[in-house]
Amino acid sequence: MSKVINVLAEDFKNEVEQHRGKVLVDFYAPWCGPCKMIAPIVEQIAEENKAVKVVKINADESQELMAKFGIRGIPTLLLMNEGEIIATQVGTASVSQIKAFVEQ
């Protein structure tokens, strides 16, 4: 069972910015090949790392969030803590790279 939460722009503040602790935010699009490549890794992190909340945001449906964070390419992963961005990863990456990204 997936622990990944699909978040809409109107829920971003409640689900991400006000969350106490780390949140991995995956900006993706259903048509995006590289997004599909990292999706299983994001799912795996959600299953294995209970200390991190994992959310997915459909970039096509959330243009205002894309603009807010200056995201120009997908997939983009944001690692947030207490509502602040602490790291950004753009493009595809290996399982070990994404795990290391989340654990920083």
PDB file of N, CA and C in Angstrom:
ATOM      1  N   MET A   1       0.837  -1.193   0.000  1.00  0.00           N
ATOM      2  CA  MET A   1       0.000   0.000   0.000  1.00  0.00           C
ATOM      3  C   MET A   1       0.883   1.258   0.000  1.00  0.00           C
ATOM      4  N   SER A   2       0.582   2.143  -0.896  1.00  0.00           N
ATOM      5  CA  SER A   2       1.400   3.342  -1.066  1.00  0.00           C
ATOM      6  C   SER A   2       1.200   4.334   0.073  1.00  0.00           C
ATOM      7  N   LYS A   3       2.281   4.954   0.454  1.00  0.00           N
ATOM      8  CA  LYS A   3       2.239   6.003   1.471  1.00  0.00           C
ATOM      9  C   LYS A   3       2.398   7.375   0.826  1.00  0.00           C
ATOM     10  N   VAL A   4       2.408   7.408  -0.503  1.00  0.00           N
ATOM     11  CA  VAL A   4       2.560   8.662  -1.240  1.00  0.00           C
ATOM     12  C   VAL A   4       1.196   9.341  -1.316  1.00  0.00           C
ATOM     13  N   ILE A   5       1.171  10.632  -1.016  1.00  0.00           N
ATOM     14  CA  ILE A   5      -0.064  11.406  -1.024  1.00  0.00           C
ATOM     15  C   ILE A   5      -0.051  12.342  -2.226  1.00  0.00           C
ATOM     16  N   ASN A   6      -1.108  12.299  -3.035  1.00  0.00           N
ATOM     17  CA  ASN A   6      -1.245  13.262  -4.136  1.00  0.00           C
ATOM     18  C   ASN A   6      -1.835  14.538  -3.561  1.00  0.00           C
ATOM     19  N   VAL A   7      -1.138  15.643  -3.775  1.00  0.00           N
ATOM     20  CA  VAL A   7      -1.532  16.921  -3.178  1.00  0.00           C
ATOM     21  C   VAL A   7      -1.866  17.920  -4.277  1.00  0.00           C
ATOM     22  N   LEU A   8      -2.966  18.616  -4.099  1.00  0.00           N
ATOM     23  CA  LEU A   8      -3.351  19.704  -4.992  1.00  0.00           C
ATOM     24  C   LEU A   8      -2.801  21.008  -4.436  1.00  0.00           C
ATOM     25  N   ALA A   9      -2.698  22.011  -5.308  1.00  0.00           N
ATOM     26  CA  ALA A   9      -2.133  23.300  -4.894  1.00  0.00           C
ATOM     27  C   ALA A   9      -2.843  23.870  -3.680  1.00  0.00           C
ATOM     28  N   GLU A  10      -4.164  23.737  -3.633  1.00  0.00           N
ATOM     29  CA  GLU A  10      -4.910  24.315  -2.507  1.00  0.00           C
ATOM     30  C   GLU A  10      -4.656  23.596  -1.182  1.00  0.00           C
ATOM     31  N   ASP A  11      -4.112  22.372  -1.242  1.00  0.00           N
ATOM     32  CA  ASP A  11      -3.813  21.616  -0.024  1.00  0.00           C
ATOM     33  C   ASP A  11      -2.337  21.704   0.371  1.00  0.00           C
ATOM     34  N   PHE A  12      -1.524  22.377  -0.448  1.00  0.00           N
ATOM     35  CA  PHE A  12      -0.078  22.396  -0.233  1.00  0.00           C
ATOM     36  C   PHE A  12       0.301  22.967   1.124  1.00  0.00           C
ATOM     37  N   LYS A  13      -0.322  24.059   1.506  1.00  0.00           N
ATOM     38  CA  LYS A  13       0.022  24.695   2.781  1.00  0.00           C
ATOM     39  C   LYS A  13      -0.225  23.738   3.944  1.00  0.00           C
ATOM     40  N   ASN A  14      -1.402  23.116   3.968  1.00  0.00           N
ATOM     41  CA  ASN A  14      -1.742  22.205   5.063  1.00  0.00           C
ATOM     42  C   ASN A  14      -0.909  20.928   5.047  1.00  0.00           C
ATOM     43  N   GLU A  15      -0.732  20.345   3.864  1.00  0.00           N
ATOM     44  CA  GLU A  15      -0.055  19.051   3.759  1.00  0.00           C
ATOM     45  C   GLU A  15       1.467  19.139   3.819  1.00  0.00           C
ATOM     46  N   VAL A  16       2.031  20.252   3.347  1.00  0.00           N
ATOM     47  CA  VAL A  16       3.485  20.344   3.229  1.00  0.00           C
ATOM     48  C   VAL A  16       4.069  21.439   4.118  1.00  0.00           C
ATOM     49  N   GLU A  17       3.648  22.680   3.895  1.00  0.00           N
ATOM     50  CA  GLU A  17       4.280  23.797   4.596  1.00  0.00           C
ATOM     51  C   GLU A  17       4.048  23.779   6.103  1.00  0.00           C
ATOM     52  N   GLN A  18       2.923  23.237   6.541  1.00  0.00           N
ATOM     53  CA  GLN A  18       2.636  23.210   7.975  1.00  0.00           C
ATOM     54  C   GLN A  18       3.000  21.878   8.629  1.00  0.00           C
ATOM     55  N   HIS A  19       3.550  20.952   7.846  1.00  0.00           N
ATOM     56  CA  HIS A  19       3.934  19.643   8.391  1.00  0.00           C
ATOM     57  C   HIS A  19       5.178  19.778   9.258  1.00  0.00           C
ATOM     58  N   ARG A  20       5.155  19.170  10.409  1.00  0.00           N
ATOM     59  CA  ARG A  20       6.325  19.159  11.294  1.00  0.00           C
ATOM     60  C   ARG A  20       7.211  17.992  10.881  1.00  0.00           C
ATOM     61  N   GLY A  21       8.401  18.312  10.400  1.00  0.00           N
ATOM     62  CA  GLY A  21       9.316  17.268   9.949  1.00  0.00           C
ATOM     63  C   GLY A  21       9.580  17.374   8.456  1.00  0.00           C
ATOM     64  N   LYS A  22      10.293  16.373   7.941  1.00  0.00           N
ATOM     65  CA  LYS A  22      10.689  16.381   6.536  1.00  0.00           C
ATOM     66  C   LYS A  22       9.556  15.942   5.617  1.00  0.00           C
ATOM     67  N   VAL A  23       9.515  16.595   4.441  1.00  0.00           N
ATOM     68  CA  VAL A  23       8.570  16.229   3.390  1.00  0.00           C
ATOM     69  C   VAL A  23       9.343  16.160   2.081  1.00  0.00           C
ATOM     70  N   LEU A  24       9.191  15.040   1.373  1.00  0.00           N
ATOM     71  CA  LEU A  24       9.730  14.903   0.026  1.00  0.00           C
ATOM     72  C   LEU A  24       8.601  15.225  -0.939  1.00  0.00           C
ATOM     73  N   VAL A  25       8.806  16.266  -1.751  1.00  0.00           N
ATOM     74  CA  VAL A  25       7.787  16.710  -2.700  1.00  0.00           C
ATOM     75  C   VAL A  25       8.262  16.352  -4.108  1.00  0.00           C
ATOM     76  N   ASP A  26       7.462  15.551  -4.810  1.00  0.00           N
ATOM     77  CA  ASP A  26       7.783  15.117  -6.169  1.00  0.00           C
ATOM     78  C   ASP A  26       6.881  15.855  -7.152  1.00  0.00           C
ATOM     79  N   PHE A  27       7.460  16.797  -7.895  1.00  0.00           N
ATOM     80  CA  PHE A  27       6.727  17.468  -8.973  1.00  0.00           C
ATOM     81  C   PHE A  27       6.883  16.607 -10.226  1.00  0.00           C
ATOM     82  N   TYR A  28       5.776  16.158 -10.789  1.00  0.00           N
ATOM     83  CA  TYR A  28       5.797  15.228 -11.918  1.00  0.00           C
ATOM     84  C   TYR A  28       4.675  15.571 -12.900  1.00  0.00           C
ATOM     85  N   ALA A  29       4.654  14.870 -14.018  1.00  0.00           N
ATOM     86  CA  ALA A  29       3.528  14.923 -14.946  1.00  0.00           C
ATOM     87  C   ALA A  29       3.302  13.505 -15.466  1.00  0.00           C
ATOM     88  N   PRO A  30       2.046  13.134 -15.700  1.00  0.00           N
ATOM     89  CA  PRO A  30       1.752  11.765 -16.149  1.00  0.00           C
ATOM     90  C   PRO A  30       2.408  11.402 -17.485  1.00  0.00           C
ATOM     91  N   TRP A  31       2.671  12.375 -18.325  1.00  0.00           N
ATOM     92  CA  TRP A  31       3.256  12.138 -19.648  1.00  0.00           C
ATOM     93  C   TRP A  31       4.783  12.137 -19.641  1.00  0.00           C
ATOM     94  N   CYS A  32       5.390  12.449 -18.513  1.00  0.00           N
ATOM     95  CA  CYS A  32       6.842  12.658 -18.406  1.00  0.00           C
ATOM     96  C   CYS A  32       7.579  11.329 -18.195  1.00  0.00           C
ATOM     97  N   GLY A  33       8.399  10.948 -19.177  1.00  0.00           N
ATOM     98  CA  GLY A  33       9.161   9.704 -19.089  1.00  0.00           C
ATOM     99  C   GLY A  33      10.089   9.627 -17.884  1.00  0.00           C
ATOM    100  N   PRO A  34      10.949  10.625 -17.670  1.00  0.00           N
ATOM    101  CA  PRO A  34      11.819  10.591 -16.495  1.00  0.00           C
ATOM    102  C   PRO A  34      11.040  10.549 -15.172  1.00  0.00           C
ATOM    103  N   CYS A  35       9.871  11.184 -15.154  1.00  0.00           N
ATOM    104  CA  CYS A  35       9.029  11.139 -13.948  1.00  0.00           C
ATOM    105  C   CYS A  35       8.590   9.703 -13.663  1.00  0.00           C
ATOM    106  N   LYS A  36       8.227   8.992 -14.723  1.00  0.00           N
ATOM    107  CA  LYS A  36       7.813   7.589 -14.578  1.00  0.00           C
ATOM    108  C   LYS A  36       8.975   6.731 -14.105  1.00  0.00           C
ATOM    109  N   MET A  37      10.209   7.112 -14.495  1.00  0.00           N
ATOM    110  CA  MET A  37      11.390   6.347 -14.087  1.00  0.00           C
ATOM    111  C   MET A  37      11.657   6.467 -12.588  1.00  0.00           C
ATOM    112  N   ILE A  38      11.434   7.657 -12.019  1.00  0.00           N
ATOM    113  CA  ILE A  38      11.728   7.806 -10.582  1.00  0.00           C
ATOM    114  C   ILE A  38      10.516   7.501  -9.694  1.00  0.00           C
ATOM    115  N   ALA A  39       9.330   7.362 -10.285  1.00  0.00           N
ATOM    116  CA  ALA A  39       8.126   7.110  -9.482  1.00  0.00           C
ATOM    117  C   ALA A  39       8.267   5.892  -8.558  1.00  0.00           C
ATOM    118  N   PRO A  40       8.790   4.754  -9.046  1.00  0.00           N
ATOM    119  CA  PRO A  40       8.937   3.610  -8.131  1.00  0.00           C
ATOM    120  C   PRO A  40       9.925   3.879  -6.995  1.00  0.00           C
ATOM    121  N   ILE A  41      10.927   4.712  -7.256  1.00  0.00           N
ATOM    122  CA  ILE A  41      11.903   5.046  -6.214  1.00  0.00           C
ATOM    123  C   ILE A  41      11.228   5.903  -5.142  1.00  0.00           C
ATOM    124  N   VAL A  42      10.426   6.855  -5.577  1.00  0.00           N
ATOM    125  CA  VAL A  42       9.687   7.712  -4.640  1.00  0.00           C
ATOM    126  C   VAL A  42       8.749   6.852  -3.792  1.00  0.00           C
ATOM    127  N   GLU A  43       8.066   5.893  -4.435  1.00  0.00           N
ATOM    128  CA  GLU A  43       7.190   4.964  -3.712  1.00  0.00           C
ATOM    129  C   GLU A  43       7.991   4.162  -2.679  1.00  0.00           C
ATOM    130  N   GLN A  44       9.161   3.686  -3.085  1.00  0.00           N
ATOM    131  CA  GLN A  44      10.012   2.894  -2.197  1.00  0.00           C
ATOM    132  C   GLN A  44      10.430   3.718  -0.976  1.00  0.00           C
ATOM    133  N   ILE A  45      10.779   4.962  -1.191  1.00  0.00           N
ATOM    134  CA  ILE A  45      11.173   5.828  -0.078  1.00  0.00           C
ATOM    135  C   ILE A  45       9.999   6.022   0.877  1.00  0.00           C
ATOM    136  N   ALA A  46       8.806   6.191   0.314  1.00  0.00           N
ATOM    137  CA  ALA A  46       7.615   6.361   1.146  1.00  0.00           C
ATOM    138  C   ALA A  46       7.373   5.128   2.012  1.00  0.00           C
ATOM    139  N   GLU A  47       7.631   3.966   1.457  1.00  0.00           N
ATOM    140  CA  GLU A  47       7.431   2.715   2.203  1.00  0.00           C
ATOM    141  C   GLU A  47       8.513   2.496   3.264  1.00  0.00           C
ATOM    142  N   GLU A  48       9.749   2.811   2.914  1.00  0.00           N
ATOM    143  CA  GLU A  48      10.879   2.478   3.780  1.00  0.00           C
ATOM    144  C   GLU A  48      11.218   3.540   4.818  1.00  0.00           C
ATOM    145  N   ASN A  49      10.962   4.796   4.516  1.00  0.00           N
ATOM    146  CA  ASN A  49      11.394   5.876   5.399  1.00  0.00           C
ATOM    147  C   ASN A  49      10.173   6.536   6.052  1.00  0.00           C
ATOM    148  N   LYS A  50       9.783   6.012   7.175  1.00  0.00           N
ATOM    149  CA  LYS A  50       8.574   6.493   7.862  1.00  0.00           C
ATOM    150  C   LYS A  50       8.746   7.903   8.437  1.00  0.00           C
ATOM    151  N   ALA A  51       9.988   8.360   8.558  1.00  0.00           N
ATOM    152  CA  ALA A  51      10.241   9.688   9.126  1.00  0.00           C
ATOM    153  C   ALA A  51      10.004  10.807   8.114  1.00  0.00           C
ATOM    154  N   VAL A  52       9.806  10.441   6.846  1.00  0.00           N
ATOM    155  CA  VAL A  52       9.631  11.435   5.795  1.00  0.00           C
ATOM    156  C   VAL A  52       8.246  11.280   5.172  1.00  0.00           C
ATOM    157  N   LYS A  53       7.508  12.365   5.128  1.00  0.00           N
ATOM    158  CA  LYS A  53       6.221  12.385   4.441  1.00  0.00           C
ATOM    159  C   LYS A  53       6.512  12.568   2.958  1.00  0.00           C
ATOM    160  N   VAL A  54       5.852  11.801   2.099  1.00  0.00           N
ATOM    161  CA  VAL A  54       6.106  11.868   0.666  1.00  0.00           C
ATOM    162  C   VAL A  54       4.824  12.294  -0.057  1.00  0.00           C
ATOM    163  N   VAL A  55       4.942  13.373  -0.840  1.00  0.00           N
ATOM    164  CA  VAL A  55       3.792  13.867  -1.596  1.00  0.00           C
ATOM    165  C   VAL A  55       4.175  14.031  -3.060  1.00  0.00           C
ATOM    166  N   LYS A  56       3.183  13.843  -3.934  1.00  0.00           N
ATOM    167  CA  LYS A  56       3.363  14.051  -5.371  1.00  0.00           C
ATOM    168  C   LYS A  56       2.454  15.192  -5.796  1.00  0.00           C
ATOM    169  N   ILE A  57       2.980  16.026  -6.680  1.00  0.00           N
ATOM    170  CA  ILE A  57       2.206  17.155  -7.192  1.00  0.00           C
ATOM    171  C   ILE A  57       2.257  17.109  -8.709  1.00  0.00           C
ATOM    172  N   ASN A  58       1.087  17.042  -9.327  1.00  0.00           N
ATOM    173  CA  ASN A  58       0.989  17.039 -10.778  1.00  0.00           C
ATOM    174  C   ASN A  58       1.302  18.448 -11.272  1.00  0.00           C
ATOM    175  N   ALA A  59       2.424  18.579 -11.971  1.00  0.00           N
ATOM    176  CA  ALA A  59       2.889  19.897 -12.428  1.00  0.00           C
ATOM    177  C   ALA A  59       1.883  20.562 -13.359  1.00  0.00           C
ATOM    178  N   ASP A  60       1.207  19.766 -14.180  1.00  0.00           N
ATOM    179  CA  ASP A  60       0.229  20.327 -15.120  1.00  0.00           C
ATOM    180  C   ASP A  60      -0.944  20.981 -14.401  1.00  0.00           C
ATOM    181  N   GLU A  61      -1.257  20.478 -13.219  1.00  0.00           N
ATOM    182  CA  GLU A  61      -2.407  20.990 -12.460  1.00  0.00           C
ATOM    183  C   GLU A  61      -2.001  22.005 -11.396  1.00  0.00           C
ATOM    184  N   SER A  62      -0.718  22.290 -11.278  1.00  0.00           N
ATOM    185  CA  SER A  62      -0.233  23.141 -10.197  1.00  0.00           C
ATOM    186  C   SER A  62       0.781  24.162 -10.697  1.00  0.00           C
ATOM    187  N   GLN A  63       0.413  24.884 -11.734  1.00  0.00           N
ATOM    188  CA  GLN A  63       1.324  25.872 -12.319  1.00  0.00           C
ATOM    189  C   GLN A  63       1.733  26.948 -11.319  1.00  0.00           C
ATOM    190  N   GLU A  64       0.819  27.317 -10.415  1.00  0.00           N
ATOM    191  CA  GLU A  64       1.161  28.345  -9.430  1.00  0.00           C
ATOM    192  C   GLU A  64       2.245  27.878  -8.461  1.00  0.00           C
ATOM    193  N   LEU A  65       2.243  26.585  -8.107  1.00  0.00           N
ATOM    194  CA  LEU A  65       3.313  26.062  -7.244  1.00  0.00           C
ATOM    195  C   LEU A  65       4.626  25.967  -8.018  1.00  0.00           C
ATOM    196  N   MET A  66       4.538  25.597  -9.282  1.00  0.00           N
ATOM    197  CA  MET A  66       5.743  25.556 -10.119  1.00  0.00           C
ATOM    198  C   MET A  66       6.389  26.944 -10.156  1.00  0.00           C
ATOM    199  N   ALA A  67       5.571  27.970 -10.347  1.00  0.00           N
ATOM    200  CA  ALA A  67       6.081  29.345 -10.394  1.00  0.00           C
ATOM    201  C   ALA A  67       6.617  29.777  -9.034  1.00  0.00           C
ATOM    202  N   LYS A  68       5.900  29.441  -7.979  1.00  0.00           N
ATOM    203  CA  LYS A  68       6.301  29.829  -6.616  1.00  0.00           C
ATOM    204  C   LYS A  68       7.711  29.329  -6.288  1.00  0.00           C
ATOM    205  N   PHE A  69       8.025  28.105  -6.711  1.00  0.00           N
ATOM    206  CA  PHE A  69       9.315  27.513  -6.391  1.00  0.00           C
ATOM    207  C   PHE A  69      10.324  27.613  -7.534  1.00  0.00           C
ATOM    208  N   GLY A  70       9.947  28.296  -8.617  1.00  0.00           N
ATOM    209  CA  GLY A  70      10.867  28.484  -9.733  1.00  0.00           C
ATOM    210  C   GLY A  70      11.217  27.197 -10.454  1.00  0.00           C
ATOM    211  N   ILE A  71      10.292  26.257 -10.486  1.00  0.00           N
ATOM    212  CA  ILE A  71      10.546  24.960 -11.116  1.00  0.00           C
ATOM    213  C   ILE A  71      10.311  25.082 -12.619  1.00  0.00           C
ATOM    214  N   ARG A  72      11.339  24.745 -13.386  1.00  0.00           N
ATOM    215  CA  ARG A  72      11.249  24.852 -14.844  1.00  0.00           C
ATOM    216  C   ARG A  72      11.282  23.500 -15.527  1.00  0.00           C
ATOM    217  N   GLY A  73      11.725  22.479 -14.813  1.00  0.00           N
ATOM    218  CA  GLY A  73      11.818  21.147 -15.396  1.00  0.00           C
ATOM    219  C   GLY A  73      11.316  20.098 -14.431  1.00  0.00           C
ATOM    220  N   ILE A  74      10.806  19.005 -14.991  1.00  0.00           N
ATOM    221  CA  ILE A  74      10.355  17.900 -14.159  1.00  0.00           C
ATOM    222  C   ILE A  74      11.033  16.624 -14.638  1.00  0.00           C
ATOM    223  N   PRO A  75      11.232  15.666 -13.773  1.00  0.00           N
ATOM    224  CA  PRO A  75      10.845  15.676 -12.369  1.00  0.00           C
ATOM    225  C   PRO A  75      11.744  16.591 -11.536  1.00  0.00           C
ATOM    226  N   THR A  76      11.142  17.203 -10.551  1.00  0.00           N
ATOM    227  CA  THR A  76      11.875  17.965  -9.548  1.00  0.00           C
ATOM    228  C   THR A  76      11.452  17.469  -8.180  1.00  0.00           C
ATOM    229  N   LEU A  77      12.436  17.134  -7.368  1.00  0.00           N
ATOM    230  CA  LEU A  77      12.182  16.741  -5.987  1.00  0.00           C
ATOM    231  C   LEU A  77      12.618  17.877  -5.076  1.00  0.00           C
ATOM    232  N   LEU A  78      11.744  18.246  -4.165  1.00  0.00           N
ATOM    233  CA  LEU A  78      12.094  19.214  -3.125  1.00  0.00           C
ATOM    234  C   LEU A  78      12.110  18.465  -1.806  1.00  0.00           C
ATOM    235  N   LEU A  79      13.122  18.698  -1.012  1.00  0.00           N
ATOM    236  CA  LEU A  79      13.148  18.174   0.349  1.00  0.00           C
ATOM    237  C   LEU A  79      12.900  19.368   1.257  1.00  0.00           C
ATOM    238  N   MET A  80      11.808  19.293   2.005  1.00  0.00           N
ATOM    239  CA  MET A  80      11.424  20.402   2.871  1.00  0.00           C
ATOM    240  C   MET A  80      11.428  19.940   4.320  1.00  0.00           C
ATOM    241  N   ASN A  81      11.709  20.871   5.196  1.00  0.00           N
ATOM    242  CA  ASN A  81      11.666  20.595   6.633  1.00  0.00           C
ATOM    243  C   ASN A  81      11.045  21.804   7.313  1.00  0.00           C
ATOM    244  N   GLU A  82       9.963  21.575   8.040  1.00  0.00           N
ATOM    245  CA  GLU A  82       9.254  22.651   8.740  1.00  0.00           C
ATOM    246  C   GLU A  82       8.846  23.766   7.770  1.00  0.00           C
ATOM    247  N   GLY A  83       8.485  23.392   6.530  1.00  0.00           N
ATOM    248  CA  GLY A  83       8.018  24.359   5.556  1.00  0.00           C
ATOM    249  C   GLY A  83       9.092  25.055   4.744  1.00  0.00           C
ATOM    250  N   GLU A  84      10.365  24.753   5.016  1.00  0.00           N
ATOM    251  CA  GLU A  84      11.481  25.391   4.305  1.00  0.00           C
ATOM    252  C   GLU A  84      12.157  24.378   3.380  1.00  0.00           C
ATOM    253  N   ILE A  85      12.531  24.816   2.177  1.00  0.00           N
ATOM    254  CA  ILE A  85      13.269  23.943   1.259  1.00  0.00           C
ATOM    255  C   ILE A  85      14.696  23.791   1.765  1.00  0.00           C
ATOM    256  N   ILE A  86      15.123  22.544   1.936  1.00  0.00           N
ATOM    257  CA  ILE A  86      16.499  22.305   2.372  1.00  0.00           C
ATOM    258  C   ILE A  86      17.351  21.700   1.262  1.00  0.00           C
ATOM    259  N   ALA A  87      16.692  21.172   0.199  1.00  0.00           N
ATOM    260  CA  ALA A  87      17.443  20.625  -0.930  1.00  0.00           C
ATOM    261  C   ALA A  87      16.520  20.467  -2.134  1.00  0.00           C
ATOM    262  N   THR A  88      17.132  20.498  -3.321  1.00  0.00           N
ATOM    263  CA  THR A  88      16.404  20.339  -4.578  1.00  0.00           C
ATOM    264  C   THR A  88      17.159  19.371  -5.469  1.00  0.00           C
ATOM    265  N   GLN A  89      16.424  18.477  -6.123  1.00  0.00           N
ATOM    266  CA  GLN A  89      17.000  17.511  -7.071  1.00  0.00           C
ATOM    267  C   GLN A  89      16.173  17.591  -8.349  1.00  0.00           C
ATOM    268  N   VAL A  90      16.818  17.895  -9.471  1.00  0.00           N
ATOM    269  CA  VAL A  90      16.122  17.995 -10.751  1.00  0.00           C
ATOM    270  C   VAL A  90      16.579  16.868 -11.659  1.00  0.00           C
ATOM    271  N   GLY A  91      15.629  16.202 -12.308  1.00  0.00           N
ATOM    272  CA  GLY A  91      15.945  15.132 -13.245  1.00  0.00           C
ATOM    273  C   GLY A  91      15.968  13.767 -12.590  1.00  0.00           C
ATOM    274  N   THR A  92      16.342  12.777 -13.387  1.00  0.00           N
ATOM    275  CA  THR A  92      16.364  11.412 -12.884  1.00  0.00           C
ATOM    276  C   THR A  92      17.593  11.187 -12.010  1.00  0.00           C
ATOM    277  N   ALA A  93      17.484  10.183 -11.187  1.00  0.00           N
ATOM    278  CA  ALA A  93      18.588   9.809 -10.303  1.00  0.00           C
ATOM    279  C   ALA A  93      18.398   8.350  -9.913  1.00  0.00           C
ATOM    280  N   SER A  94      19.453   7.746  -9.428  1.00  0.00           N
ATOM    281  CA  SER A  94      19.391   6.343  -9.010  1.00  0.00           C
ATOM    282  C   SER A  94      18.732   6.236  -7.639  1.00  0.00           C
ATOM    283  N   VAL A  95      18.402   5.021  -7.265  1.00  0.00           N
ATOM    284  CA  VAL A  95      17.820   4.772  -5.944  1.00  0.00           C
ATOM    285  C   VAL A  95      18.745   5.298  -4.856  1.00  0.00           C
ATOM    286  N   SER A  96      20.037   4.977  -4.967  1.00  0.00           N
ATOM    287  CA  SER A  96      20.983   5.400  -3.928  1.00  0.00           C
ATOM    288  C   SER A  96      21.113   6.923  -3.878  1.00  0.00           C
ATOM    289  N   GLN A  97      21.086   7.584  -5.046  1.00  0.00           N
ATOM    290  CA  GLN A  97      21.172   9.049  -5.061  1.00  0.00           C
ATOM    291  C   GLN A  97      19.952   9.686  -4.400  1.00  0.00           C
ATOM    292  N   ILE A  98      18.771   9.165  -4.699  1.00  0.00           N
ATOM    293  CA  ILE A  98      17.553   9.738  -4.118  1.00  0.00           C
ATOM    294  C   ILE A  98      17.481   9.446  -2.627  1.00  0.00           C
ATOM    295  N   LYS A  99      17.899   8.251  -2.224  1.00  0.00           N
ATOM    296  CA  LYS A  99      17.931   7.936  -0.787  1.00  0.00           C
ATOM    297  C   LYS A  99      18.877   8.876  -0.051  1.00  0.00           C
ATOM    298  N   ALA A 100      20.052   9.113  -0.631  1.00  0.00           N
ATOM    299  CA  ALA A 100      21.026  10.032  -0.015  1.00  0.00           C
ATOM    300  C   ALA A 100      20.460  11.444   0.036  1.00  0.00           C
ATOM    301  N   PHE A 101      19.744  11.861  -1.002  1.00  0.00           N
ATOM    302  CA  PHE A 101      19.112  13.175  -1.064  1.00  0.00           C
ATOM    303  C   PHE A 101      18.124  13.336   0.095  1.00  0.00           C
ATOM    304  N   VAL A 102      17.317  12.327   0.339  1.00  0.00           N
ATOM    305  CA  VAL A 102      16.301  12.374   1.387  1.00  0.00           C
ATOM    306  C   VAL A 102      16.909  12.361   2.779  1.00  0.00           C
ATOM    307  N   GLU A 103      18.039  11.682   2.924  1.00  0.00           N
ATOM    308  CA  GLU A 103      18.649  11.520   4.247  1.00  0.00           C
ATOM    309  C   GLU A 103      19.538  12.675   4.664  1.00  0.00           C
ATOM    310  N   GLN A 104      19.697  13.697   3.819  1.00  0.00           N
ATOM    311  CA  GLN A 104      20.570  14.817   4.203  1.00  0.00           C
ATOM    312  C   GLN A 104      19.934  15.694   5.245  1.00  0.00           C
TER     313      GLN A 104
END
